[in-house]
Amino acid sequence: NNAFFTLSFFDPKWKKQLAHCGAVSGREEDKFAACGFHVAAAGQAPYI
């Protein structure tokens, strides 16, 4: 439903949070809050 997407790459210290984002659905929880991530914008595209 959107024209843009982002790919965010992290320092290895964030590996646990990335594993969580792969194991839990955003339908079930706010993964951003659970992982301590904050959404920013590059134009219309959200990124971490």
ModelCIF file with pLDDT and N, C-alpha, C, O atoms, coordinates in Angstrom:
data_MODEL
#
_entry.id   MODEL 
#
_entity.id                         1 
_entity.type                       polymer 
_entity.pdbx_number_of_molecules   1 
#
_entity_poly.entity_id                      1 
_entity_poly.type                           'polypeptide(L)' 
_entity_poly.nstd_linkage                   no 
_entity_poly.nstd_monomer                   no 
_entity_poly.pdbx_seq_one_letter_code       NNAFFTLSFFDPKWKKQLAHCGAVSGREEDKFAACGFHVAAAGQAPYI 
_entity_poly.pdbx_seq_one_letter_code_can   NNAFFTLSFFDPKWKKQLAHCGAVSGREEDKFAACGFHVAAAGQAPYI 
_entity_poly.pdbx_strand_id                 A 
#
loop_
_entity_poly_seq.entity_id 
_entity_poly_seq.num 
_entity_poly_seq.mon_id 
_entity_poly_seq.hetero 
1 1  ASN n 
1 2  ASN n 
1 3  ALA n 
1 4  PHE n 
1 5  PHE n 
1 6  THR n 
1 7  LEU n 
1 8  SER n 
1 9  PHE n 
1 10 PHE n 
1 11 ASP n 
1 12 PRO n 
1 13 LYS n 
1 14 TRP n 
1 15 LYS n 
1 16 LYS n 
1 17 GLN n 
1 18 LEU n 
1 19 ALA n 
1 20 HIS n 
1 21 CYS n 
1 22 GLY n 
1 23 ALA n 
1 24 VAL n 
1 25 SER n 
1 26 GLY n 
1 27 ARG n 
1 28 GLU n 
1 29 GLU n 
1 30 ASP n 
1 31 LYS n 
1 32 PHE n 
1 33 ALA n 
1 34 ALA n 
1 35 CYS n 
1 36 GLY n 
1 37 PHE n 
1 38 HIS n 
1 39 VAL n 
1 40 ALA n 
1 41 ALA n 
1 42 ALA n 
1 43 GLY n 
1 44 GLN n 
1 45 ALA n 
1 46 PRO n 
1 47 TYR n 
1 48 ILE n 
#
_struct_asym.id          A 
_struct_asym.entity_id   1 
#
loop_
_ma_qa_metric.id 
_ma_qa_metric.mode 
_ma_qa_metric.name 
_ma_qa_metric.software_group_id 
_ma_qa_metric.type 
1 global pLDDT . pLDDT 
2 local  pLDDT . pLDDT 
#
_ma_qa_metric_global.metric_id      1 
_ma_qa_metric_global.metric_value   96.67 
_ma_qa_metric_global.model_id       1 
_ma_qa_metric_global.ordinal_id     1 
#
loop_
_ma_qa_metric_local.label_asym_id 
_ma_qa_metric_local.label_comp_id 
_ma_qa_metric_local.label_seq_id 
_ma_qa_metric_local.metric_id 
_ma_qa_metric_local.metric_value 
_ma_qa_metric_local.model_id 
_ma_qa_metric_local.ordinal_id 
A ASN 1  2 98.00 1 1  
A ASN 2  2 98.00 1 2  
A ALA 3  2 98.00 1 3  
A PHE 4  2 98.00 1 4  
A PHE 5  2 98.00 1 5  
A THR 6  2 98.00 1 6  
A LEU 7  2 98.00 1 7  
A SER 8  2 98.00 1 8  
A PHE 9  2 98.00 1 9  
A PHE 10 2 97.00 1 10 
A ASP 11 2 95.00 1 11 
A PRO 12 2 95.00 1 12 
A LYS 13 2 96.00 1 13 
A TRP 14 2 97.00 1 14 
A LYS 15 2 96.00 1 15 
A LYS 16 2 97.00 1 16 
A GLN 17 2 98.00 1 17 
A LEU 18 2 97.00 1 18 
A ALA 19 2 97.00 1 19 
A HIS 20 2 97.00 1 20 
A CYS 21 2 97.00 1 21 
A GLY 22 2 95.00 1 22 
A ALA 23 2 96.00 1 23 
A VAL 24 2 95.00 1 24 
A SER 25 2 96.00 1 25 
A GLY 26 2 95.00 1 26 
A ARG 27 2 95.00 1 27 
A GLU 28 2 94.00 1 28 
A GLU 29 2 96.00 1 29 
A ASP 30 2 96.00 1 30 
A LYS 31 2 96.00 1 31 
A PHE 32 2 97.00 1 32 
A ALA 33 2 96.00 1 33 
A ALA 34 2 97.00 1 34 
A CYS 35 2 97.00 1 35 
A GLY 36 2 97.00 1 36 
A PHE 37 2 98.00 1 37 
A HIS 38 2 97.00 1 38 
A VAL 39 2 98.00 1 39 
A ALA 40 2 97.00 1 40 
A ALA 41 2 96.00 1 41 
A ALA 42 2 96.00 1 42 
A GLY 43 2 94.00 1 43 
A GLN 44 2 94.00 1 44 
A ALA 45 2 97.00 1 45 
A PRO 46 2 98.00 1 46 
A TYR 47 2 98.00 1 47 
A ILE 48 2 98.00 1 48 
#
loop_
_atom_site.group_PDB 
_atom_site.id 
_atom_site.type_symbol 
_atom_site.label_atom_id 
_atom_site.label_alt_id 
_atom_site.label_comp_id 
_atom_site.label_asym_id 
_atom_site.label_entity_id 
_atom_site.label_seq_id 
_atom_site.pdbx_PDB_ins_code 
_atom_site.Cartn_x 
_atom_site.Cartn_y 
_atom_site.Cartn_z 
_atom_site.occupancy 
_atom_site.B_iso_or_equiv 
_atom_site.pdbx_formal_charge 
_atom_site.auth_seq_id 
_atom_site.auth_comp_id 
_atom_site.auth_asym_id 
_atom_site.auth_atom_id 
_atom_site.pdbx_PDB_model_num 
ATOM 1   N N  . ASN A 1 1  ? 0.782  -1.233  0.000  1.00 98.00 ? 1  ASN A N  1 
ATOM 2   C CA . ASN A 1 1  ? 0.000  0.000   0.000  1.00 98.00 ? 1  ASN A CA 1 
ATOM 3   C C  . ASN A 1 1  ? 0.814  1.284   0.000  1.00 98.00 ? 1  ASN A C  1 
ATOM 4   O O  . ASN A 1 1  ? 0.249  2.375   0.079  1.00 98.00 ? 1  ASN A O  1 
ATOM 5   N N  . ASN A 1 2  ? 2.135  1.169   -0.087 1.00 98.00 ? 2  ASN A N  1 
ATOM 6   C CA . ASN A 1 2  ? 2.984  2.363   -0.038 1.00 98.00 ? 2  ASN A CA 1 
ATOM 7   C C  . ASN A 1 2  ? 4.066  2.283   -1.097 1.00 98.00 ? 2  ASN A C  1 
ATOM 8   O O  . ASN A 1 2  ? 4.498  1.195   -1.477 1.00 98.00 ? 2  ASN A O  1 
ATOM 9   N N  . ALA A 1 3  ? 4.502  3.437   -1.570 1.00 98.00 ? 3  ALA A N  1 
ATOM 10  C CA . ALA A 1 3  ? 5.483  3.507   -2.652 1.00 98.00 ? 3  ALA A CA 1 
ATOM 11  C C  . ALA A 1 3  ? 6.924  3.407   -2.174 1.00 98.00 ? 3  ALA A C  1 
ATOM 12  O O  . ALA A 1 3  ? 7.827  3.203   -2.986 1.00 98.00 ? 3  ALA A O  1 
ATOM 13  N N  . PHE A 1 4  ? 7.161  3.547   -0.859 1.00 98.00 ? 4  PHE A N  1 
ATOM 14  C CA . PHE A 1 4  ? 8.523  3.572   -0.345 1.00 98.00 ? 4  PHE A CA 1 
ATOM 15  C C  . PHE A 1 4  ? 8.702  2.530   0.747  1.00 98.00 ? 4  PHE A C  1 
ATOM 16  O O  . PHE A 1 4  ? 7.748  2.153   1.427  1.00 98.00 ? 4  PHE A O  1 
ATOM 17  N N  . PHE A 1 5  ? 9.932  2.072   0.904  1.00 98.00 ? 5  PHE A N  1 
ATOM 18  C CA . PHE A 1 5  ? 10.325 1.245   2.039  1.00 98.00 ? 5  PHE A CA 1 
ATOM 19  C C  . PHE A 1 5  ? 11.766 1.569   2.373  1.00 98.00 ? 5  PHE A C  1 
ATOM 20  O O  . PHE A 1 5  ? 12.490 2.138   1.556  1.00 98.00 ? 5  PHE A O  1 
ATOM 21  N N  . THR A 1 6  ? 12.177 1.211   3.565  1.00 98.00 ? 6  THR A N  1 
ATOM 22  C CA . THR A 1 6  ? 13.567 1.429   3.959  1.00 98.00 ? 6  THR A CA 1 
ATOM 23  C C  . THR A 1 6  ? 14.181 0.134   4.447  1.00 98.00 ? 6  THR A C  1 
ATOM 24  O O  . THR A 1 6  ? 13.491 -0.770  4.918  1.00 98.00 ? 6  THR A O  1 
ATOM 25  N N  . LEU A 1 7  ? 15.488 0.070   4.320  1.00 98.00 ? 7  LEU A N  1 
ATOM 26  C CA . LEU A 1 7  ? 16.294 -0.997  4.902  1.00 98.00 ? 7  LEU A CA 1 
ATOM 27  C C  . LEU A 1 7  ? 17.204 -0.337  5.920  1.00 98.00 ? 7  LEU A C  1 
ATOM 28  O O  . LEU A 1 7  ? 17.996 0.544   5.586  1.00 98.00 ? 7  LEU A O  1 
ATOM 29  N N  . SER A 1 8  ? 17.083 -0.775  7.171  1.00 98.00 ? 8  SER A N  1 
ATOM 30  C CA . SER A 1 8  ? 17.902 -0.215  8.247  1.00 98.00 ? 8  SER A CA 1 
ATOM 31  C C  . SER A 1 8  ? 18.882 -1.273  8.711  1.00 98.00 ? 8  SER A C  1 
ATOM 32  O O  . SER A 1 8  ? 18.498 -2.409  8.991  1.00 98.00 ? 8  SER A O  1 
ATOM 33  N N  . PHE A 1 9  ? 20.149 -0.898  8.793  1.00 98.00 ? 9  PHE A N  1 
ATOM 34  C CA . PHE A 1 9  ? 21.224 -1.790  9.216  1.00 98.00 ? 9  PHE A CA 1 
ATOM 35  C C  . PHE A 1 9  ? 21.802 -1.274  10.527 1.00 98.00 ? 9  PHE A C  1 
ATOM 36  O O  . PHE A 1 9  ? 21.913 -0.066  10.736 1.00 98.00 ? 9  PHE A O  1 
ATOM 37  N N  . PHE A 1 10 ? 22.169 -2.199  11.403 1.00 97.00 ? 10 PHE A N  1 
ATOM 38  C CA . PHE A 1 10 ? 22.523 -1.861  12.780 1.00 97.00 ? 10 PHE A CA 1 
ATOM 39  C C  . PHE A 1 10 ? 23.882 -2.405  13.184 1.00 97.00 ? 10 PHE A C  1 
ATOM 40  O O  . PHE A 1 10 ? 24.414 -3.338  12.582 1.00 97.00 ? 10 PHE A O  1 
ATOM 41  N N  . ASP A 1 11 ? 24.418 -1.795  14.214 1.00 95.00 ? 11 ASP A N  1 
ATOM 42  C CA . ASP A 1 11 ? 25.584 -2.339  14.904 1.00 95.00 ? 11 ASP A CA 1 
ATOM 43  C C  . ASP A 1 11 ? 25.182 -3.704  15.463 1.00 95.00 ? 11 ASP A C  1 
ATOM 44  O O  . ASP A 1 11 ? 24.027 -3.884  15.850 1.00 95.00 ? 11 ASP A O  1 
ATOM 45  N N  . PRO A 1 12 ? 26.100 -4.669  15.515 1.00 95.00 ? 12 PRO A N  1 
ATOM 46  C CA . PRO A 1 12 ? 25.757 -5.998  16.040 1.00 95.00 ? 12 PRO A CA 1 
ATOM 47  C C  . PRO A 1 12 ? 25.177 -6.004  17.453 1.00 95.00 ? 12 PRO A C  1 
ATOM 48  O O  . PRO A 1 12 ? 24.529 -6.980  17.832 1.00 95.00 ? 12 PRO A O  1 
ATOM 49  N N  . LYS A 1 13 ? 25.385 -4.954  18.245 1.00 96.00 ? 13 LYS A N  1 
ATOM 50  C CA . LYS A 1 13 ? 24.824 -4.925  19.598 1.00 96.00 ? 13 LYS A CA 1 
ATOM 51  C C  . LYS A 1 13 ? 23.285 -4.947  19.590 1.00 96.00 ? 13 LYS A C  1 
ATOM 52  O O  . LYS A 1 13 ? 22.673 -5.207  20.626 1.00 96.00 ? 13 LYS A O  1 
ATOM 53  N N  . TRP A 1 14 ? 22.656 -4.679  18.446 1.00 97.00 ? 14 TRP A N  1 
ATOM 54  C CA . TRP A 1 14 ? 21.203 -4.667  18.321 1.00 97.00 ? 14 TRP A CA 1 
ATOM 55  C C  . TRP A 1 14 ? 20.645 -6.011  17.835 1.00 97.00 ? 14 TRP A C  1 
ATOM 56  O O  . TRP A 1 14 ? 19.451 -6.111  17.553 1.00 97.00 ? 14 TRP A O  1 
ATOM 57  N N  . LYS A 1 15 ? 21.482 -7.032  17.735 1.00 96.00 ? 15 LYS A N  1 
ATOM 58  C CA . LYS A 1 15 ? 21.059 -8.324  17.157 1.00 96.00 ? 15 LYS A CA 1 
ATOM 59  C C  . LYS A 1 15 ? 19.854 -8.921  17.897 1.00 96.00 ? 15 LYS A C  1 
ATOM 60  O O  . LYS A 1 15 ? 18.971 -9.499  17.265 1.00 96.00 ? 15 LYS A O  1 
ATOM 61  N N  . LYS A 1 16 ? 19.811 -8.789  19.213 1.00 97.00 ? 16 LYS A N  1 
ATOM 62  C CA . LYS A 1 16 ? 18.680 -9.335  19.989 1.00 97.00 ? 16 LYS A CA 1 
ATOM 63  C C  . LYS A 1 16 ? 17.370 -8.668  19.559 1.00 97.00 ? 16 LYS A C  1 
ATOM 64  O O  . LYS A 1 16 ? 16.353 -9.344  19.415 1.00 97.00 ? 16 LYS A O  1 
ATOM 65  N N  . GLN A 1 17 ? 17.387 -7.369  19.358 1.00 98.00 ? 17 GLN A N  1 
ATOM 66  C CA . GLN A 1 17 ? 16.186 -6.640  18.939 1.00 98.00 ? 17 GLN A CA 1 
ATOM 67  C C  . GLN A 1 17 ? 15.784 -7.040  17.516 1.00 98.00 ? 17 GLN A C  1 
ATOM 68  O O  . GLN A 1 17 ? 14.596 -7.173  17.223 1.00 98.00 ? 17 GLN A O  1 
ATOM 69  N N  . LEU A 1 18 ? 16.760 -7.229  16.641 1.00 97.00 ? 18 LEU A N  1 
ATOM 70  C CA . LEU A 1 18 ? 16.440 -7.657  15.287 1.00 97.00 ? 18 LEU A CA 1 
ATOM 71  C C  . LEU A 1 18 ? 15.837 -9.056  15.296 1.00 97.00 ? 18 LEU A C  1 
ATOM 72  O O  . LEU A 1 18 ? 14.910 -9.338  14.536 1.00 97.00 ? 18 LEU A O  1 
ATOM 73  N N  . ALA A 1 19 ? 16.359 -9.935  16.152 1.00 97.00 ? 19 ALA A N  1 
ATOM 74  C CA . ALA A 1 19 ? 15.776 -11.282 16.281 1.00 97.00 ? 19 ALA A CA 1 
ATOM 75  C C  . ALA A 1 19 ? 14.331 -11.185 16.761 1.00 97.00 ? 19 ALA A C  1 
ATOM 76  O O  . ALA A 1 19 ? 13.467 -11.919 16.281 1.00 97.00 ? 19 ALA A O  1 
ATOM 77  N N  . HIS A 1 20 ? 14.069 -10.293 17.694 1.00 97.00 ? 20 HIS A N  1 
ATOM 78  C CA . HIS A 1 20 ? 12.706 -10.100 18.198 1.00 97.00 ? 20 HIS A CA 1 
ATOM 79  C C  . HIS A 1 20 ? 11.782 -9.638  17.073 1.00 97.00 ? 20 HIS A C  1 
ATOM 80  O O  . HIS A 1 20 ? 10.667 -10.141 16.941 1.00 97.00 ? 20 HIS A O  1 
ATOM 81  N N  . CYS A 1 21 ? 12.236 -8.690  16.271 1.00 97.00 ? 21 CYS A N  1 
ATOM 82  C CA . CYS A 1 21 ? 11.417 -8.167  15.174 1.00 97.00 ? 21 CYS A CA 1 
ATOM 83  C C  . CYS A 1 21 ? 11.143 -9.220  14.102 1.00 97.00 ? 21 CYS A C  1 
ATOM 84  O O  . CYS A 1 21 ? 10.199 -9.081  13.324 1.00 97.00 ? 21 CYS A O  1 
ATOM 85  N N  . GLY A 1 22 ? 11.949 -10.256 14.058 1.00 95.00 ? 22 GLY A N  1 
ATOM 86  C CA . GLY A 1 22 ? 11.708 -11.351 13.124 1.00 95.00 ? 22 GLY A CA 1 
ATOM 87  C C  . GLY A 1 22 ? 10.819 -12.435 13.693 1.00 95.00 ? 22 GLY A C  1 
ATOM 88  O O  . GLY A 1 22 ? 10.285 -13.257 12.948 1.00 95.00 ? 22 GLY A O  1 
ATOM 89  N N  . ALA A 1 23 ? 10.653 -12.448 15.010 1.00 96.00 ? 23 ALA A N  1 
ATOM 90  C CA . ALA A 1 23 ? 9.904  -13.520 15.665 1.00 96.00 ? 23 ALA A CA 1 
ATOM 91  C C  . ALA A 1 23 ? 8.489  -13.114 16.069 1.00 96.00 ? 23 ALA A C  1 
ATOM 92  O O  . ALA A 1 23 ? 7.633  -13.977 16.265 1.00 96.00 ? 23 ALA A O  1 
ATOM 93  N N  . VAL A 1 24 ? 8.234  -11.816 16.194 1.00 95.00 ? 24 VAL A N  1 
ATOM 94  C CA . VAL A 1 24 ? 6.951  -11.321 16.689 1.00 95.00 ? 24 VAL A CA 1 
ATOM 95  C C  . VAL A 1 24 ? 6.285  -10.496 15.590 1.00 95.00 ? 24 VAL A C  1 
ATOM 96  O O  . VAL A 1 24 ? 6.953  -9.750  14.873 1.00 95.00 ? 24 VAL A O  1 
ATOM 97  N N  . SER A 1 25 ? 4.983  -10.633 15.464 1.00 96.00 ? 25 SER A N  1 
ATOM 98  C CA . SER A 1 25 ? 4.247  -9.864  14.473 1.00 96.00 ? 25 SER A CA 1 
ATOM 99  C C  . SER A 1 25 ? 3.843  -8.503  15.031 1.00 96.00 ? 25 SER A C  1 
ATOM 100 O O  . SER A 1 25 ? 3.493  -8.371  16.204 1.00 96.00 ? 25 SER A O  1 
ATOM 101 N N  . GLY A 1 26 ? 3.900  -7.503  14.169 1.00 95.00 ? 26 GLY A N  1 
ATOM 102 C CA . GLY A 1 26 ? 3.416  -6.177  14.523 1.00 95.00 ? 26 GLY A CA 1 
ATOM 103 C C  . GLY A 1 26 ? 1.907  -6.145  14.737 1.00 95.00 ? 26 GLY A C  1 
ATOM 104 O O  . GLY A 1 26 ? 1.373  -5.171  15.268 1.00 95.00 ? 26 GLY A O  1 
ATOM 105 N N  . ARG A 1 27 ? 1.223  -7.203  14.327 1.00 95.00 ? 27 ARG A N  1 
ATOM 106 C CA . ARG A 1 27 ? -0.211 -7.310  14.613 1.00 95.00 ? 27 ARG A CA 1 
ATOM 107 C C  . ARG A 1 27 ? -0.443 -7.546  16.106 1.00 95.00 ? 27 ARG A C  1 
ATOM 108 O O  . ARG A 1 27 ? -1.486 -7.189  16.652 1.00 95.00 ? 27 ARG A O  1 
ATOM 109 N N  . GLU A 1 28 ? 0.558  -8.157  16.752 1.00 94.00 ? 28 GLU A N  1 
ATOM 110 C CA . GLU A 1 28 ? 0.420  -8.575  18.149 1.00 94.00 ? 28 GLU A CA 1 
ATOM 111 C C  . GLU A 1 28 ? 1.006  -7.596  19.155 1.00 94.00 ? 28 GLU A C  1 
ATOM 112 O O  . GLU A 1 28 ? 0.566  -7.556  20.304 1.00 94.00 ? 28 GLU A O  1 
ATOM 113 N N  . GLU A 1 29 ? 1.980  -6.816  18.746 1.00 96.00 ? 29 GLU A N  1 
ATOM 114 C CA . GLU A 1 29 ? 2.605  -5.869  19.674 1.00 96.00 ? 29 GLU A CA 1 
ATOM 115 C C  . GLU A 1 29 ? 3.260  -4.734  18.912 1.00 96.00 ? 29 GLU A C  1 
ATOM 116 O O  . GLU A 1 29 ? 3.482  -4.820  17.705 1.00 96.00 ? 29 GLU A O  1 
ATOM 117 N N  . ASP A 1 30 ? 3.559  -3.686  19.627 1.00 96.00 ? 30 ASP A N  1 
ATOM 118 C CA . ASP A 1 30 ? 4.319  -2.558  19.082 1.00 96.00 ? 30 ASP A CA 1 
ATOM 119 C C  . ASP A 1 30 ? 5.794  -2.936  19.180 1.00 96.00 ? 30 ASP A C  1 
ATOM 120 O O  . ASP A 1 30 ? 6.428  -2.757  20.220 1.00 96.00 ? 30 ASP A O  1 
ATOM 121 N N  . LYS A 1 31 ? 6.327  -3.460  18.080 1.00 96.00 ? 31 LYS A N  1 
ATOM 122 C CA . LYS A 1 31 ? 7.724  -3.917  18.084 1.00 96.00 ? 31 LYS A CA 1 
ATOM 123 C C  . LYS A 1 31 ? 8.699  -2.766  18.296 1.00 96.00 ? 31 LYS A C  1 
ATOM 124 O O  . LYS A 1 31 ? 9.769  -2.956  18.873 1.00 96.00 ? 31 LYS A O  1 
ATOM 125 N N  . PHE A 1 32 ? 8.336  -1.581  17.833 1.00 97.00 ? 32 PHE A N  1 
ATOM 126 C CA . PHE A 1 32 ? 9.212  -0.428  18.012 1.00 97.00 ? 32 PHE A CA 1 
ATOM 127 C C  . PHE A 1 32 ? 9.417  -0.161  19.502 1.00 97.00 ? 32 PHE A C  1 
ATOM 128 O O  . PHE A 1 32 ? 10.551 -0.015  19.958 1.00 97.00 ? 32 PHE A O  1 
ATOM 129 N N  . ALA A 1 33 ? 8.333  -0.099  20.251 1.00 96.00 ? 33 ALA A N  1 
ATOM 130 C CA . ALA A 1 33 ? 8.419  0.151   21.693 1.00 96.00 ? 33 ALA A CA 1 
ATOM 131 C C  . ALA A 1 33 ? 9.123  -1.001  22.402 1.00 96.00 ? 33 ALA A C  1 
ATOM 132 O O  . ALA A 1 33 ? 9.956  -0.775  23.279 1.00 96.00 ? 33 ALA A O  1 
ATOM 133 N N  . ALA A 1 34 ? 8.793  -2.234  22.026 1.00 97.00 ? 34 ALA A N  1 
ATOM 134 C CA . ALA A 1 34 ? 9.382  -3.403  22.677 1.00 97.00 ? 34 ALA A CA 1 
ATOM 135 C C  . ALA A 1 34 ? 10.902 -3.455  22.507 1.00 97.00 ? 34 ALA A C  1 
ATOM 136 O O  . ALA A 1 34 ? 11.615 -3.967  23.370 1.00 97.00 ? 34 ALA A O  1 
ATOM 137 N N  . CYS A 1 35 ? 11.385 -2.921  21.390 1.00 97.00 ? 35 CYS A N  1 
ATOM 138 C CA . CYS A 1 35 ? 12.828 -2.973  21.099 1.00 97.00 ? 35 CYS A CA 1 
ATOM 139 C C  . CYS A 1 35 ? 13.553 -1.671  21.406 1.00 97.00 ? 35 CYS A C  1 
ATOM 140 O O  . CYS A 1 35 ? 14.774 -1.599  21.264 1.00 97.00 ? 35 CYS A O  1 
ATOM 141 N N  . GLY A 1 36 ? 12.825 -0.644  21.824 1.00 97.00 ? 36 GLY A N  1 
ATOM 142 C CA . GLY A 1 36 ? 13.450 0.644   22.087 1.00 97.00 ? 36 GLY A CA 1 
ATOM 143 C C  . GLY A 1 36 ? 13.803 1.398   20.824 1.00 97.00 ? 36 GLY A C  1 
ATOM 144 O O  . GLY A 1 36 ? 14.724 2.214   20.822 1.00 97.00 ? 36 GLY A O  1 
ATOM 145 N N  . PHE A 1 37 ? 13.075 1.131   19.743 1.00 98.00 ? 37 PHE A N  1 
ATOM 146 C CA . PHE A 1 37 ? 13.312 1.802   18.469 1.00 98.00 ? 37 PHE A CA 1 
ATOM 147 C C  . PHE A 1 37 ? 12.411 3.023   18.329 1.00 98.00 ? 37 PHE A C  1 
ATOM 148 O O  . PHE A 1 37 ? 11.312 3.071   18.882 1.00 98.00 ? 37 PHE A O  1 
ATOM 149 N N  . HIS A 1 38 ? 12.897 4.002   17.581 1.00 97.00 ? 38 HIS A N  1 
ATOM 150 C CA . HIS A 1 38 ? 12.147 5.222   17.306 1.00 97.00 ? 38 HIS A CA 1 
ATOM 151 C C  . HIS A 1 38 ? 12.060 5.405   15.793 1.00 97.00 ? 38 HIS A C  1 
ATOM 152 O O  . HIS A 1 38 ? 13.051 5.248   15.080 1.00 97.00 ? 38 HIS A O  1 
ATOM 153 N N  . VAL A 1 39 ? 10.880 5.734   15.322 1.00 98.00 ? 39 VAL A N  1 
ATOM 154 C CA . VAL A 1 39 ? 10.650 5.916   13.890 1.00 98.00 ? 39 VAL A CA 1 
ATOM 155 C C  . VAL A 1 39 ? 10.970 7.357   13.509 1.00 98.00 ? 39 VAL A C  1 
ATOM 156 O O  . VAL A 1 39 ? 10.556 8.304   14.177 1.00 98.00 ? 39 VAL A O  1 
ATOM 157 N N  . ALA A 1 40 ? 11.712 7.494   12.426 1.00 97.00 ? 40 ALA A N  1 
ATOM 158 C CA . ALA A 1 40 ? 11.998 8.800   11.831 1.00 97.00 ? 40 ALA A CA 1 
ATOM 159 C C  . ALA A 1 40 ? 11.507 8.743   10.386 1.00 97.00 ? 40 ALA A C  1 
ATOM 160 O O  . ALA A 1 40 ? 11.075 7.693   9.910  1.00 97.00 ? 40 ALA A O  1 
ATOM 161 N N  . ALA A 1 41 ? 11.575 9.865   9.701  1.00 96.00 ? 41 ALA A N  1 
ATOM 162 C CA . ALA A 1 41 ? 11.081 9.913   8.327  1.00 96.00 ? 41 ALA A CA 1 
ATOM 163 C C  . ALA A 1 41 ? 12.121 10.488  7.388  1.00 96.00 ? 41 ALA A C  1 
ATOM 164 O O  . ALA A 1 41 ? 12.800 11.466  7.701  1.00 96.00 ? 41 ALA A O  1 
ATOM 165 N N  . ALA A 1 42 ? 12.227 9.866   6.245  1.00 96.00 ? 42 ALA A N  1 
ATOM 166 C CA . ALA A 1 42 ? 12.986 10.406  5.121  1.00 96.00 ? 42 ALA A CA 1 
ATOM 167 C C  . ALA A 1 42 ? 11.945 10.657  4.041  1.00 96.00 ? 42 ALA A C  1 
ATOM 168 O O  . ALA A 1 42 ? 11.620 9.761   3.261  1.00 96.00 ? 42 ALA A O  1 
ATOM 169 N N  . GLY A 1 43 ? 11.432 11.859  3.999  1.00 94.00 ? 43 GLY A N  1 
ATOM 170 C CA . GLY A 1 43 ? 10.291 12.132  3.122  1.00 94.00 ? 43 GLY A CA 1 
ATOM 171 C C  . GLY A 1 43 ? 9.102  11.343  3.620  1.00 94.00 ? 43 GLY A C  1 
ATOM 172 O O  . GLY A 1 43 ? 8.693  11.488  4.772  1.00 94.00 ? 43 GLY A O  1 
ATOM 173 N N  . GLN A 1 44 ? 8.541  10.502  2.755  1.00 94.00 ? 44 GLN A N  1 
ATOM 174 C CA . GLN A 1 44 ? 7.390  9.675   3.114  1.00 94.00 ? 44 GLN A CA 1 
ATOM 175 C C  . GLN A 1 44 ? 7.794  8.329   3.699  1.00 94.00 ? 44 GLN A C  1 
ATOM 176 O O  . GLN A 1 44 ? 6.928  7.565   4.124  1.00 94.00 ? 44 GLN A O  1 
ATOM 177 N N  . ALA A 1 45 ? 9.074  8.022   3.730  1.00 97.00 ? 45 ALA A N  1 
ATOM 178 C CA . ALA A 1 45 ? 9.542  6.693   4.121  1.00 97.00 ? 45 ALA A CA 1 
ATOM 179 C C  . ALA A 1 45 ? 9.955  6.640   5.589  1.00 97.00 ? 45 ALA A C  1 
ATOM 180 O O  . ALA A 1 45 ? 10.809 7.416   6.018  1.00 97.00 ? 45 ALA A O  1 
ATOM 181 N N  . PRO A 1 46 ? 9.355  5.729   6.366  1.00 98.00 ? 46 PRO A N  1 
ATOM 182 C CA . PRO A 1 46 ? 9.756  5.573   7.765  1.00 98.00 ? 46 PRO A CA 1 
ATOM 183 C C  . PRO A 1 46 ? 11.027 4.743   7.887  1.00 98.00 ? 46 PRO A C  1 
ATOM 184 O O  . PRO A 1 46 ? 11.232 3.801   7.122  1.00 98.00 ? 46 PRO A O  1 
ATOM 185 N N  . TYR A 1 47 ? 11.876 5.087   8.841  1.00 98.00 ? 47 TYR A N  1 
ATOM 186 C CA . TYR A 1 47 ? 13.067 4.283   9.127  1.00 98.00 ? 47 TYR A CA 1 
ATOM 187 C C  . TYR A 1 47 ? 13.338 4.308   10.619 1.00 98.00 ? 47 TYR A C  1 
ATOM 188 O O  . TYR A 1 47 ? 12.700 5.055   11.361 1.00 98.00 ? 47 TYR A O  1 
ATOM 189 N N  . ILE A 1 48 ? 14.277 3.499   11.055 1.00 98.00 ? 48 ILE A N  1 
ATOM 190 C CA . ILE A 1 48 ? 14.587 3.355   12.473 1.00 98.00 ? 48 ILE A CA 1 
ATOM 191 C C  . ILE A 1 48 ? 15.790 4.240   12.825 1.00 98.00 ? 48 ILE A C  1 
ATOM 192 O O  . ILE A 1 48 ? 16.220 4.267   13.979 1.00 98.00 ? 48 ILE A O  1 
#
